[in-house]
Protein backbone atom coordinates (compact mmCIF):
# COMPACT_ATOMS: atom_id res chain seq x y z
CA MET A 1 0.07 -0.13 -0.20
CA LEU A 2 2.96 2.23 0.34
CA ARG A 3 2.80 2.59 -3.37
CA PHE A 4 -0.45 3.79 -3.63
CA LEU A 5 0.15 6.21 -0.96
CA ARG A 6 2.99 7.72 -2.77
CA MET A 7 0.56 7.50 -6.28
CA VAL A 8 -2.00 9.80 -4.42
CA THR A 9 0.55 12.71 -4.11
CA TRP A 10 0.78 12.91 -8.00
CA THR A 11 -1.64 14.89 -10.16
CA SER A 12 -4.20 13.39 -12.33
CA PRO A 13 -4.18 14.63 -15.73
CA LYS A 14 -7.69 14.27 -15.32
CA CYS A 15 -7.74 17.14 -12.77
CA SER A 16 -7.78 19.95 -15.34
CA VAL A 17 -10.76 21.75 -12.96
CA ALA A 18 -9.73 21.62 -9.13
CA SER A 19 -5.93 22.64 -8.28
CA ASN A 20 -5.56 19.42 -6.28
CA VAL A 21 -7.06 16.05 -7.17
CA GLY A 22 -8.33 16.12 -3.38
CA GLU A 23 -10.64 18.98 -4.77
CA GLN A 24 -11.17 17.25 -7.87
CA TYR A 25 -13.00 14.23 -6.23
CA GLY A 26 -14.88 16.49 -4.21
CA VAL A 27 -16.25 18.38 -7.73
CA TRP A 28 -16.87 15.01 -9.00
CA LYS A 29 -18.81 13.72 -6.12
CA ALA A 30 -20.65 16.90 -5.86
CA GLU A 31 -21.77 15.81 -9.24
CA CYS A 32 -22.58 12.34 -8.50
CA GLN A 33 -24.96 14.13 -5.09
CA LYS A 34 -27.12 16.50 -7.06
CA MET A 35 -27.97 13.71 -9.29
CA VAL A 36 -28.31 11.38 -6.01
CA PRO A 37 -28.78 12.89 -2.78
CA LEU A 38 -28.05 9.96 -0.90
CA ILE A 39 -24.06 10.34 -1.72
CA GLY A 40 -22.63 11.97 1.25
CA SER A 41 -25.70 11.37 3.57
CA GLY A 42 -23.85 8.30 5.07
CA ARG A 43 -25.94 5.48 3.87
CA VAL A 44 -26.06 3.01 1.44
CA LEU A 45 -28.37 2.34 -1.44
CA THR A 46 -29.49 -1.34 -1.78
CA ALA A 47 -32.40 -1.51 -4.49
CA PRO A 48 -32.99 -0.27 -7.86
CA ILE A 49 -33.42 3.47 -9.05
CA ASN A 50 -36.90 3.44 -10.88
CA ASN A 51 -39.25 6.11 -9.94
CA ASP A 52 -40.14 9.47 -11.61
CA ASN A 53 -39.04 11.70 -8.46
CA ASP A 54 -35.04 11.06 -7.74
CA GLN A 55 -34.82 13.76 -5.48
CA GLN A 56 -37.17 12.29 -2.70
CA LEU A 57 -35.51 9.35 -0.84
CA ASN A 58 -37.40 6.72 1.08
CA SER A 59 -35.66 6.91 4.65
CA ASP A 60 -37.29 3.30 5.96
CA LYS A 61 -33.92 1.52 6.48
CA GLY A 62 -33.43 -2.69 5.80
CA CYS A 63 -31.60 -5.03 8.19
CA ASN A 64 -28.38 -3.94 7.08
CA GLY A 65 -29.13 -0.53 7.81
CA ALA A 66 -28.87 0.45 4.27
CA VAL A 67 -31.36 2.77 2.32
CA SER A 68 -34.39 0.94 0.34
CA THR A 69 -34.88 3.64 -2.49
CA SER A 70 -37.39 1.90 -5.03
CA SER A 71 -38.86 5.47 -5.16
CA LEU A 72 -35.91 6.51 -7.37
CA HIS A 73 -35.75 6.56 -11.52
CA PRO A 74 -32.29 6.38 -13.46
CA SER A 75 -33.79 8.80 -15.86
CA THR A 76 -34.99 12.15 -14.32
CA GLY A 77 -33.88 14.45 -11.31
CA HIS A 78 -30.61 15.26 -13.02
CA GLU A 79 -32.13 17.82 -15.78
CA GLY A 80 -30.37 21.22 -15.25
CA LEU A 81 -27.95 19.99 -12.80
CA LEU A 82 -25.32 19.19 -15.29
CA ASP A 83 -24.42 20.98 -18.49
CA ASN A 84 -24.01 19.02 -21.24
CA THR A 85 -24.17 15.88 -19.47
CA ASP A 86 -24.51 12.63 -21.78
CA GLU A 87 -28.32 11.50 -20.72
CA LYS A 88 -27.08 7.44 -21.43
CA LYS A 89 -24.23 7.86 -19.20
CA VAL A 90 -26.57 9.27 -16.46
CA LYS A 91 -28.93 6.83 -16.85
CA ASN A 92 -26.26 3.54 -17.26
CA TRP A 93 -24.55 5.24 -13.65
CA LYS A 94 -27.69 4.99 -11.80
CA LEU A 95 -28.67 1.79 -12.90
CA MET A 96 -25.11 0.69 -11.22
CA LEU A 97 -25.32 2.35 -7.74
CA HIS A 98 -27.80 -0.62 -6.11
CA GLN A 99 -25.31 -3.39 -7.34
CA ILE A 100 -22.80 -1.37 -6.16
CA GLY A 101 -24.84 -1.26 -2.63
CA LEU A 102 -25.41 -5.29 -3.11
CA ASP A 103 -21.79 -5.72 -3.17
CA VAL A 104 -20.80 -3.43 -0.62
CA VAL A 105 -22.94 -4.60 2.25
CA ARG A 106 -21.30 -8.79 1.78
CA THR A 107 -17.88 -6.80 1.25
CA ASP A 108 -15.00 -8.17 4.50
CA ARG A 109 -17.96 -8.78 6.12
CA ALA A 110 -16.05 -10.36 9.21
CA LEU A 111 -13.99 -7.02 9.51
CA ALA A 112 -15.18 -4.75 12.55
CA PHE A 113 -14.91 -1.84 10.05
CA TYR A 114 -17.83 -2.87 8.22
CA GLU A 115 -19.66 -2.88 11.35
CA SER A 116 -20.53 0.79 10.65
CA GLU A 117 -22.87 1.76 8.18
CA ILE A 118 -20.94 5.26 7.17
CA ASN A 119 -18.08 2.88 6.24
CA GLN A 120 -19.96 1.25 4.18
CA ALA A 121 -21.12 4.39 2.68
CA LYS A 122 -17.73 5.29 2.13
CA LEU A 123 -16.60 2.30 0.16
CA TRP A 124 -19.95 2.97 -1.79
CA GLU A 125 -19.28 6.40 -2.56
CA VAL A 126 -15.76 6.02 -3.53
CA LEU A 127 -16.63 2.86 -6.06
CA ALA A 128 -20.01 5.37 -6.96
CA VAL A 129 -17.88 8.11 -8.02
CA TYR A 130 -15.40 5.98 -9.68
CA ALA A 131 -17.98 4.36 -11.84
CA TRP A 132 -19.11 8.18 -12.99
CA VAL A 133 -15.97 9.31 -13.72
CA ASP A 134 -14.38 6.02 -15.93
CA SER A 135 -18.14 5.35 -17.71
CA ASP A 136 -16.35 3.26 -19.90
CA ILE A 137 -15.69 0.54 -17.67
CA GLY A 138 -18.62 1.57 -14.76
CA TYR A 139 -18.65 -0.86 -12.35
CA VAL A 140 -18.05 -4.04 -12.24
CA GLN A 141 -18.47 -6.72 -9.58
CA GLY A 142 -14.95 -7.56 -7.75
CA MET A 143 -13.78 -3.45 -7.70
CA ASN A 144 -15.51 -3.55 -4.22
CA ASP A 145 -12.75 -6.23 -3.12
CA ILE A 146 -10.02 -4.27 -4.69
CA CYS A 147 -11.32 -1.00 -3.11
CA SER A 148 -11.85 -1.74 0.17
CA PRO A 149 -8.47 -2.24 1.86
CA MET A 150 -7.68 1.85 0.72
CA VAL A 151 -11.03 2.67 1.94
CA ILE A 152 -9.84 0.61 5.40
CA LEU A 153 -5.97 2.16 5.38
CA LEU A 154 -6.90 5.46 4.54
CA GLU A 155 -8.56 8.15 6.60
CA HIS A 156 -9.54 10.47 3.72
CA GLU A 157 -11.61 8.93 1.72
CA ALA A 158 -10.54 11.19 -1.51
CA ASP A 159 -7.21 9.49 -0.68
CA ALA A 160 -8.68 6.32 -0.90
CA PHE A 161 -10.50 7.28 -4.29
CA TRP A 162 -6.74 8.09 -5.83
CA CYS A 163 -5.72 5.13 -4.61
CA PHE A 164 -7.89 2.94 -6.25
CA GLU A 165 -8.26 5.29 -9.07
CA ARG A 166 -4.56 4.47 -9.45
CA ALA A 167 -4.47 0.53 -8.93
CA MET A 168 -7.41 0.09 -11.82
CA ARG A 169 -5.52 1.97 -14.10
CA ARG A 170 -3.25 -1.56 -13.91
CA LEU A 171 -6.01 -3.73 -13.26
CA ARG A 172 -9.30 -1.90 -15.31
CA GLU A 173 -9.06 -4.21 -18.24
CA ASN A 174 -9.33 -7.25 -15.98
CA PHE A 175 -13.58 -6.00 -15.66
CA ARG A 176 -13.67 -5.26 -19.18
CA CYS A 177 -16.18 -7.99 -20.25
CA THR A 178 -18.65 -7.77 -23.07
CA THR A 179 -21.05 -11.04 -24.29
CA SER A 180 -17.93 -12.50 -26.74
CA SER A 181 -14.77 -12.09 -23.95
CA ILE A 182 -14.00 -11.49 -20.54
CA GLY A 183 -10.87 -9.65 -19.22
CA VAL A 184 -8.93 -11.54 -17.84
CA GLN A 185 -9.39 -14.09 -21.14
CA SER A 186 -5.90 -13.56 -22.42
CA GLN A 187 -4.27 -13.94 -18.79
CA LEU A 188 -6.20 -17.10 -18.70
CA GLY A 189 -4.33 -17.87 -22.21
CA THR A 190 -1.14 -17.57 -20.95
CA LEU A 191 -1.82 -19.71 -17.50
CA SER A 192 -2.96 -22.21 -19.99
CA THR A 193 0.22 -22.06 -21.95
CA ILE A 194 2.33 -22.20 -18.95
CA ILE A 195 0.84 -25.04 -17.71
CA LYS A 196 1.13 -26.90 -20.90
CA THR A 197 4.62 -26.19 -20.74
CA ILE A 198 5.69 -26.86 -17.32
CA ASP A 199 3.29 -29.64 -16.50
CA PRO A 200 1.97 -31.15 -19.68
CA GLN A 201 0.15 -33.80 -17.76
CA LEU A 202 -1.83 -31.88 -15.78
CA HIS A 203 -2.52 -29.89 -18.45
CA GLN A 204 -4.30 -32.46 -20.46
CA HIS A 205 -6.39 -33.93 -17.60
CA LEU A 206 -7.97 -30.49 -17.19
CA ASP A 207 -8.14 -30.29 -21.06
CA ASP A 208 -9.79 -33.74 -20.59
CA LEU A 209 -12.39 -32.22 -18.36
CA ASP A 210 -13.21 -29.46 -20.55
CA GLY A 211 -11.29 -26.94 -18.07
CA GLY A 212 -8.54 -26.59 -21.09
CA GLU A 213 -9.42 -22.33 -20.56
CA TYR A 214 -9.12 -22.17 -17.21
CA LEU A 215 -12.26 -20.12 -15.85
CA PHE A 216 -11.64 -21.66 -12.97
CA ALA A 217 -8.95 -19.51 -12.40
CA PHE A 218 -11.28 -16.12 -13.62
CA ARG A 219 -11.33 -14.75 -9.81
CA MET A 220 -8.36 -15.59 -8.84
CA LEU A 221 -6.47 -13.35 -11.32
CA MET A 222 -9.93 -10.49 -11.75
CA VAL A 223 -9.46 -9.74 -8.02
CA LEU A 224 -5.82 -10.58 -7.27
CA PHE A 225 -6.54 -13.42 -4.63
CA ARG A 226 -8.68 -11.31 -2.20
CA ARG A 227 -10.81 -14.33 -1.74
CA GLU A 228 -7.81 -17.07 -1.57
CA PHE A 229 -5.75 -15.12 1.36
CA SER A 230 -6.46 -13.96 4.31
CA PHE A 231 -6.94 -9.92 4.13
CA ILE A 232 -3.56 -9.67 5.38
CA ASP A 233 -2.18 -12.03 3.56
CA ALA A 234 -3.98 -10.40 0.72
CA LEU A 235 -2.14 -6.80 1.11
CA TYR A 236 1.11 -8.70 2.03
CA LEU A 237 0.83 -10.26 -1.43
CA TRP A 238 0.00 -7.15 -3.18
CA GLU A 239 3.24 -5.62 -2.05
CA LEU A 240 4.98 -8.31 -3.06
CA ILE A 241 3.48 -8.72 -6.61
CA TRP A 242 4.33 -4.82 -7.03
CA ALA A 243 7.60 -4.80 -5.66
CA MET A 244 8.98 -7.65 -7.74
CA GLU A 245 7.04 -6.46 -10.93
CA TYR A 246 8.66 -2.75 -10.41
CA ASN A 247 9.82 -0.77 -13.39
CA PRO A 248 10.60 2.49 -13.39
CA ASN A 249 9.15 3.37 -16.60
CA ILE A 250 5.86 1.35 -15.64
CA PHE A 251 3.73 4.20 -14.59
CA SER A 252 3.75 6.27 -18.23
CA MET A 253 2.17 3.19 -19.37
CA TYR A 254 -0.97 4.24 -17.31
CA GLU A 255 -1.25 7.61 -17.96
CA GLU A 256 -3.82 8.87 -20.62
CA GLU A 257 -2.80 9.57 -24.01
CA GLY A 258 -1.08 13.02 -24.56
CA ALA A 259 -0.79 13.45 -20.70
CA VAL A 260 2.09 14.73 -18.84
CA ALA A 261 3.38 12.01 -16.21
CA GLU A 262 5.47 12.69 -13.16
CA THR A 263 7.22 9.38 -13.92
CA ALA A 264 11.19 8.46 -13.17
CA PRO A 265 13.00 9.31 -16.52
CA LYS A 266 13.82 6.58 -19.38
CA VAL A 267 16.83 4.65 -18.45
CA ASN A 268 19.14 3.07 -20.58
CA GLU A 269 18.96 -1.07 -20.55
CA LYS A 270 21.51 -2.07 -18.35
CA LEU A 271 20.52 0.49 -15.17
CA LEU A 272 16.66 -0.09 -15.94
CA ILE A 273 17.34 -4.79 -15.28
CA LYS A 274 19.49 -3.18 -12.24
CA GLN A 275 16.35 -1.11 -11.05
CA CYS A 276 13.33 -3.17 -11.86
CA GLY A 277 12.09 -5.84 -9.53
CA LYS A 278 13.06 -9.53 -9.45
CA PHE A 279 10.08 -10.59 -11.38
CA GLU A 280 10.23 -7.72 -14.20
CA LYS A 281 14.23 -8.36 -14.08
CA GLU A 282 14.16 -11.64 -15.97
CA LYS A 283 10.84 -10.63 -18.11
CA VAL A 284 13.03 -7.22 -19.40
CA LYS A 285 15.83 -10.03 -20.44
CA THR A 286 14.14 -12.07 -21.93
CA GLY A 287 11.91 -9.57 -23.63
CA HIS A 288 8.70 -11.26 -22.15
CA VAL A 289 6.76 -7.76 -21.45
CA ASP A 290 3.63 -8.27 -22.39
CA ASN A 291 1.06 -7.58 -19.23
CA GLU A 292 -0.50 -11.12 -20.09
CA SER A 293 2.35 -12.46 -18.37
CA ALA A 294 1.84 -11.02 -15.04
CA LEU A 295 3.14 -12.39 -11.86
CA ALA A 296 -0.26 -13.13 -10.63
CA VAL A 297 -0.68 -15.41 -13.94
CA PHE A 298 2.44 -17.54 -12.33
CA LEU A 299 0.80 -17.31 -9.05
CA VAL A 300 -1.92 -19.17 -9.97
CA ALA A 301 0.25 -21.86 -12.26
CA SER A 302 2.02 -22.27 -8.70
CA VAL A 303 -1.57 -22.83 -7.08
CA LEU A 304 -2.25 -25.55 -9.41
CA GLU A 305 0.87 -27.08 -9.04
CA THR A 306 0.89 -27.35 -5.47
CA LYS A 307 -2.94 -29.08 -5.97
CA ASN A 308 -1.32 -31.59 -8.28
CA LYS A 309 -1.63 -34.72 -7.13
CA ALA A 310 -5.08 -34.02 -5.72
CA LEU A 311 -6.50 -32.57 -8.74
CA LEU A 312 -4.94 -35.39 -11.15
CA LYS A 313 -6.67 -38.05 -8.66
CA GLU A 314 -9.49 -37.03 -7.30
CA ALA A 315 -11.12 -33.92 -10.17
CA LYS A 316 -13.41 -35.90 -12.30
CA GLY A 317 -15.48 -33.29 -13.56
CA LEU A 318 -14.91 -29.31 -13.44
CA ASP A 319 -17.35 -28.79 -10.26
CA ASP A 320 -14.00 -31.07 -8.39
CA VAL A 321 -11.44 -28.95 -9.48
CA VAL A 322 -13.34 -25.84 -7.96
CA LYS A 323 -13.89 -27.72 -5.21
CA ILE A 324 -10.25 -28.52 -4.63
CA LEU A 325 -9.16 -25.06 -5.63
CA GLY A 326 -11.49 -23.73 -2.84
CA GLU A 327 -9.68 -25.71 -0.19
CA THR A 328 -6.69 -22.75 -0.63
CA THR A 329 -9.29 -19.85 0.34
CA GLY A 330 -7.88 -18.08 3.17
CA LYS A 331 -5.15 -20.40 3.63
CA LEU A 332 -2.33 -19.51 1.50
CA ASP A 333 0.73 -18.08 2.43
CA ALA A 334 1.87 -15.20 0.44
CA LYS A 335 5.31 -15.09 0.62
CA LYS A 336 5.14 -18.86 0.37
CA ALA A 337 3.20 -18.45 -2.76
CA CYS A 338 4.98 -15.90 -4.28
CA LYS A 339 8.45 -17.94 -3.66
CA ALA A 340 6.64 -20.46 -5.69
CA ALA A 341 5.69 -18.31 -8.67
CA LEU A 342 9.02 -17.58 -8.93
CA LYS A 343 10.25 -21.03 -9.24
CA VAL A 344 6.99 -21.84 -12.09
CA HIS A 345 8.32 -18.76 -13.83
CA LYS A 346 12.23 -19.95 -13.77
CA LYS A 347 10.96 -23.25 -14.51
CA TYR A 348 8.75 -22.35 -17.53
CA LEU A 349 11.54 -19.62 -18.95
CA ASN A 350 13.81 -22.63 -19.07
CA LYS A 351 11.64 -24.45 -20.73
CA THR A 352 10.85 -22.38 -23.71
CA LYS A 353 14.45 -21.42 -24.02
CA GLN A 354 14.94 -24.94 -24.45
CA SER A 355 12.27 -25.82 -26.97
């Protein structure tokens, strides 16, 4: 998380209206609040907006303390409040709000932090504002798992938002899903290639079970193992991943086209290799610089390798594969998993060199 804390001090290329990122978040939140007054109230929306009057909210609360707002409608109440606002964008955004709310009240429920409705509302508002700003991606289930640690660790809501926004520059393509493809599909394809290379027997067995597309690993990659590791280990894992994937030129990859990014200057290849993290260093040396071969993919491969015997012996169908992998939920050790992933990566590079 320390790397995110450094990131939120940068000036975002989107921040042309306000003098700093904190003020810009306030501007966006105010826009959202004009369209849906519940934002900023310390409450969470969990029911669809479906009435003609979105300026009046039903104050009755459900059993989880969230507001039931069946009296709202996605197409009204914003006229005259925002100039030149795309009507379709407003409607789509409003339709997302209740799904964000439903996911929020289920997020990290075992943590005392979310016993407070105000803290739930903080997570809901960060996700709602992000969905408004990044209308191309909007909100997709799983973003709540990525955002939650930032809301918990950072006192100020604006800081949590910018921390999440910077993380999403790196992860947002994971959440781009269409009727014909899923965001992590290319990574799943890379995972298939890795297992086929280092453990052809396991790959063949999974393929025989109609699991050759590795869709059972979808969640691991999309939300970076938030469900497979404990809360603390997940944060430790993220620190390890981003430290080992560090590249002094990496941040410029996530800036908007034409923006002047405050990034480290370009360096020559020898110096670059010295400055890179352990995993990224091997990628730079071998020329494997695509995002699909990220460390997270090798982490999944290492988990499959640790479950090799059980998968080969016990898995008679995809349900068995999911069950066996599900046994790892909350039990994996971040440090051991990363070490195992590096071994798999080295083995894969050696195998591909030989071929």
